[in-house]
Amino acid sequence: MDTTFWALTAAGLVTGFSKFSTGGMGLIILPILTIAFPGPEAVAILVPMYIATDVMAVSSYRSQISWKTLLRIIPIAFIGIIIGTYLLAHLDNDSFTTMLGVLIISMLTLSIWIDISKSTFLQRPIVIQCISFLAGIVTTIANAAGPLISILLLDQKLSKESYVATRAWTFMIINVLKLPMLMAIGLMNMEIAKHSLVAFPPLIIGAMIGYYVLKKLNLNQFKWLIRIMATIAAIKLLVF
């Protein structure tokens, strides 16, 4: 099998596993795809995969959604998506790879800060708007806005069930909004859609594996393993 098939298979497995286990693996999925697709088209390939897992997730979390929080995030994030789409349309392969590496390092740093910080400043409306805007840009360019969305939701005093439901719906809405934007700049087309379809069977397998092994994982150790892998991927993107 060629590199394209294996990159799509690995990306599908990791995407499904991440959505239905611990999460937090989004930072290594795009670097996997860039092995076969070194340019912005890698972002477009991932969007249908993410929407598929989002639909699975929201079907399990149809209640306890904080619509108030969603309405704070989505409109401003959509403006960020527009800006991110413009940037994506004007990035060559080398610039895209460099920016991706920088964003991964930034999101890793942020995710660690989330774990250790006890700050409550994120409840301020202006801060919510700024981070929502940045999340829209980051998710469009690198599909790596997980830490930004998490940092927003964790500080909104939501119950565990409401946090999970609101997070799932936030990502589904954002990913659906990205589709027409990617179509408009020519990154989403039938050829890209065919590549995404190749990843769907391993995506389902990854979801099943993630669901069944979740209880056996040491979540803290697993989280740091993912961070180490993402750091290696980012260094590879920046150096090589």
Protein backbone atom coordinates (compact mmCIF):
# COMPACT_ATOMS: atom_id res chain seq x y z
CA MET A 1 0.00 0.00 0.00
CA ASP A 2 1.17 3.59 -0.66
CA THR A 3 1.92 6.33 1.84
CA THR A 4 -1.43 8.03 1.20
CA PHE A 5 -3.41 4.96 2.26
CA TRP A 6 -1.43 4.44 5.45
CA ALA A 7 -1.55 8.12 6.41
CA LEU A 8 -5.33 8.18 5.93
CA THR A 9 -5.73 4.91 7.84
CA ALA A 10 -3.63 6.15 10.77
CA ALA A 11 -5.43 9.51 10.84
CA GLY A 12 -8.81 7.75 10.82
CA LEU A 13 -7.85 5.41 13.66
CA VAL A 14 -6.49 8.22 15.82
CA THR A 15 -9.47 10.48 15.11
CA GLY A 16 -11.99 7.80 16.12
CA PHE A 17 -9.95 6.72 19.13
CA SER A 18 -9.52 10.29 20.37
CA LYS A 19 -13.20 11.23 20.10
CA PHE A 20 -14.39 8.19 22.03
CA SER A 21 -11.63 7.83 24.61
CA THR A 22 -9.63 10.59 26.26
CA GLY A 23 -9.59 13.22 23.56
CA GLY A 24 -6.55 15.47 23.28
CA MET A 25 -5.05 13.64 20.29
CA GLY A 26 -6.08 16.23 17.72
CA LEU A 27 -2.62 17.80 17.78
CA ILE A 28 -1.04 14.70 16.22
CA ILE A 29 -3.72 13.88 13.61
CA LEU A 30 -2.86 16.67 11.17
CA PRO A 31 0.91 15.99 11.33
CA ILE A 32 0.13 12.36 10.43
CA LEU A 33 -1.77 13.50 7.34
CA THR A 34 0.98 15.92 6.28
CA ILE A 35 3.22 12.90 5.67
CA ALA A 36 1.17 12.28 2.50
CA PHE A 37 -0.47 15.70 2.08
CA PRO A 38 2.11 18.36 3.01
CA GLY A 39 -0.12 21.36 2.23
CA PRO A 40 -3.42 22.92 3.37
CA GLU A 41 -5.42 20.14 1.70
CA ALA A 42 -4.64 18.03 4.79
CA VAL A 43 -6.94 20.35 6.78
CA ALA A 44 -9.78 19.85 4.31
CA ILE A 45 -9.43 16.06 4.40
CA LEU A 46 -9.89 16.08 8.17
CA VAL A 47 -13.08 18.15 8.28
CA PRO A 48 -15.51 15.43 7.01
CA MET A 49 -13.82 12.96 9.39
CA TYR A 50 -14.35 15.31 12.31
CA ILE A 51 -17.96 15.96 11.36
CA ALA A 52 -18.60 12.20 11.27
CA THR A 53 -17.24 11.76 14.80
CA ASP A 54 -19.02 14.92 15.94
CA VAL A 55 -22.36 13.51 14.77
CA MET A 56 -21.65 10.30 16.71
CA ALA A 57 -20.76 12.33 19.79
CA VAL A 58 -23.74 14.70 19.76
CA SER A 59 -26.12 11.78 19.26
CA SER A 60 -25.01 10.66 22.71
CA TYR A 61 -25.25 14.16 24.24
CA ARG A 62 -28.58 15.60 23.19
CA SER A 63 -29.41 17.25 26.50
CA GLN A 64 -27.85 19.55 29.11
CA ILE A 65 -26.32 21.74 26.42
CA SER A 66 -25.47 25.25 27.59
CA TRP A 67 -26.97 27.20 24.69
CA LYS A 68 -25.98 30.44 26.41
CA THR A 69 -22.32 29.40 26.26
CA LEU A 70 -22.67 28.21 22.66
CA LEU A 71 -24.13 31.55 21.61
CA ARG A 72 -21.18 33.31 23.23
CA ILE A 73 -18.63 31.25 21.30
CA ILE A 74 -20.02 30.41 17.85
CA PRO A 75 -20.67 33.87 16.28
CA ILE A 76 -17.21 35.21 17.18
CA ALA A 77 -15.57 31.90 16.22
CA PHE A 78 -17.22 32.15 12.79
CA ILE A 79 -15.49 35.50 12.21
CA GLY A 80 -12.23 33.74 13.10
CA ILE A 81 -13.08 30.98 10.61
CA ILE A 82 -13.45 33.60 7.86
CA ILE A 83 -10.05 35.11 8.70
CA GLY A 84 -8.49 31.65 8.99
CA THR A 85 -9.90 30.69 5.58
CA TYR A 86 -8.31 33.76 4.02
CA LEU A 87 -4.94 32.89 5.58
CA LEU A 88 -5.24 29.26 4.50
CA ALA A 89 -5.93 30.28 0.91
CA HIS A 90 -2.68 32.27 0.80
CA LEU A 91 -0.33 29.79 2.48
CA ASP A 92 2.12 27.76 0.41
CA ASN A 93 3.14 24.29 1.59
CA ASP A 94 6.28 25.45 3.42
CA SER A 95 4.49 28.30 5.20
CA PHE A 96 1.62 25.99 6.14
CA THR A 97 4.01 23.42 7.63
CA THR A 98 5.85 26.06 9.65
CA MET A 99 2.64 27.64 10.93
CA LEU A 100 1.27 24.22 11.85
CA GLY A 101 4.37 23.44 13.91
CA VAL A 102 4.14 26.78 15.73
CA LEU A 103 0.43 26.32 16.44
CA ILE A 104 0.95 22.82 17.82
CA ILE A 105 3.64 24.04 20.22
CA SER A 106 1.38 26.93 21.26
CA MET A 107 -1.61 24.66 21.87
CA LEU A 108 0.53 22.22 23.85
CA THR A 109 1.75 25.04 26.06
CA LEU A 110 -1.82 26.21 26.53
CA SER A 111 -3.10 22.73 27.41
CA ILE A 112 -0.44 22.42 30.15
CA TRP A 113 -1.39 25.87 31.44
CA ILE A 114 -5.04 24.76 31.61
CA ASP A 115 -4.02 21.87 33.87
CA ILE A 116 -2.11 24.00 36.36
CA SER A 117 -3.92 27.35 36.26
CA LYS A 118 -6.62 28.32 38.73
CA SER A 119 -7.35 31.68 37.13
CA THR A 120 -10.95 32.85 36.72
CA PHE A 121 -10.30 35.71 34.28
CA LEU A 122 -11.84 33.65 31.46
CA GLN A 123 -15.31 34.48 32.72
CA ARG A 124 -14.91 38.03 31.41
CA PRO A 125 -16.92 38.60 28.19
CA ILE A 126 -14.05 40.29 26.32
CA VAL A 127 -11.72 37.37 27.08
CA ILE A 128 -14.36 34.86 25.90
CA GLN A 129 -14.74 36.79 22.65
CA CYS A 130 -10.98 37.01 22.02
CA ILE A 131 -10.41 33.31 22.64
CA SER A 132 -13.46 32.36 20.55
CA PHE A 133 -12.08 34.45 17.67
CA LEU A 134 -8.65 32.85 18.00
CA ALA A 135 -10.26 29.38 18.16
CA GLY A 136 -11.96 30.06 14.83
CA ILE A 137 -8.64 30.91 13.20
CA VAL A 138 -6.74 28.00 14.75
CA THR A 139 -9.39 25.39 13.93
CA THR A 140 -9.47 26.54 10.30
CA ILE A 141 -5.72 26.51 9.79
CA ALA A 142 -4.74 23.53 11.92
CA ASN A 143 -7.85 21.77 13.32
CA ALA A 144 -6.21 22.28 16.72
CA ALA A 145 -8.59 24.50 18.67
CA GLY A 146 -9.33 21.83 21.30
CA PRO A 147 -7.30 23.47 24.10
CA LEU A 148 -8.86 26.87 23.36
CA ILE A 149 -12.43 25.56 23.47
CA SER A 150 -11.62 23.54 26.59
CA ILE A 151 -10.16 26.52 28.39
CA LEU A 152 -13.34 28.49 27.67
CA LEU A 153 -15.78 25.79 28.75
CA LEU A 154 -13.89 24.70 31.85
CA ASP A 155 -14.24 28.16 33.36
CA GLN A 156 -17.96 28.63 32.66
CA LYS A 157 -19.05 26.69 35.77
CA LEU A 158 -20.78 23.96 33.78
CA SER A 159 -21.63 20.55 35.17
CA LYS A 160 -19.61 17.62 33.83
CA GLU A 161 -22.53 16.49 31.65
CA SER A 162 -23.16 20.02 30.37
CA TYR A 163 -19.44 20.50 29.63
CA VAL A 164 -19.25 17.31 27.54
CA ALA A 165 -22.48 18.06 25.66
CA THR A 166 -21.63 21.71 25.00
CA ARG A 167 -18.11 20.82 23.83
CA ALA A 168 -19.43 18.18 21.42
CA TRP A 169 -21.99 20.55 19.92
CA THR A 170 -19.49 23.41 19.71
CA PHE A 171 -17.09 21.37 17.61
CA MET A 172 -19.83 19.97 15.37
CA ILE A 173 -21.20 23.44 14.59
CA ILE A 174 -17.72 24.87 14.00
CA ASN A 175 -16.72 22.02 11.68
CA VAL A 176 -19.96 22.32 9.69
CA LEU A 177 -19.37 26.06 9.32
CA LYS A 178 -15.88 25.37 7.94
CA LEU A 179 -17.15 23.25 5.04
CA PRO A 180 -18.56 26.02 2.80
CA MET A 181 -15.56 28.21 3.55
CA LEU A 182 -13.16 25.49 2.39
CA MET A 183 -15.31 24.92 -0.70
CA ALA A 184 -15.14 28.63 -1.50
CA ILE A 185 -11.32 28.58 -1.72
CA GLY A 186 -11.22 25.27 -3.61
CA LEU A 187 -9.75 23.14 -0.84
CA MET A 188 -12.89 21.03 -0.40
CA ASN A 189 -13.77 19.15 -3.59
CA MET A 190 -14.63 15.63 -4.76
CA GLU A 191 -11.00 14.49 -4.73
CA ILE A 192 -10.59 15.59 -1.12
CA ALA A 193 -13.91 13.98 -0.19
CA LYS A 194 -12.71 10.66 -1.67
CA HIS A 195 -9.60 10.79 0.51
CA SER A 196 -11.79 11.44 3.56
CA LEU A 197 -13.96 8.42 2.73
CA VAL A 198 -10.90 6.15 2.73
CA ALA A 199 -10.37 7.09 6.39
CA PHE A 200 -13.95 6.35 7.49
CA PRO A 201 -13.62 2.56 8.10
CA PRO A 202 -10.51 2.93 10.31
CA LEU A 203 -12.22 5.89 11.99
CA ILE A 204 -15.09 3.62 13.09
CA ILE A 205 -12.63 0.97 14.24
CA GLY A 206 -10.68 3.59 16.22
CA ALA A 207 -13.91 4.78 17.86
CA MET A 208 -14.76 1.23 18.95
CA ILE A 209 -11.25 0.67 20.33
CA GLY A 210 -11.31 3.99 22.17
CA TYR A 211 -14.70 3.23 23.73
CA TYR A 212 -13.62 -0.17 25.07
CA VAL A 213 -10.13 0.71 26.31
CA LEU A 214 -11.03 4.01 27.99
CA LYS A 215 -11.55 2.42 31.42
CA LYS A 216 -8.15 0.70 31.28
CA LEU A 217 -6.14 3.83 30.54
CA ASN A 218 -4.17 5.83 33.05
CA LEU A 219 -5.53 9.14 31.81
CA ASN A 220 -2.78 11.36 33.18
CA GLN A 221 0.04 9.23 31.79
CA PHE A 222 -1.78 8.91 28.46
CA LYS A 223 -2.23 12.69 28.27
CA TRP A 224 1.50 13.24 28.68
CA LEU A 225 2.31 10.55 26.12
CA ILE A 226 0.16 12.42 23.58
CA ARG A 227 1.85 15.70 24.46
CA ILE A 228 5.29 14.15 23.90
CA MET A 229 4.18 12.71 20.55
CA ALA A 230 2.71 16.07 19.50
CA THR A 231 5.92 17.85 20.48
CA ILE A 232 7.99 15.46 18.36
CA ALA A 233 5.59 15.99 15.45
CA ALA A 234 5.84 19.78 15.80
CA ILE A 235 9.65 19.71 15.91
CA LYS A 236 9.67 17.54 12.80
CA LEU A 237 7.43 20.05 11.00
CA LEU A 238 9.62 23.00 12.03
CA VAL A 239 13.04 21.45 11.46
CA PHE A 240 12.73 19.07 8.52
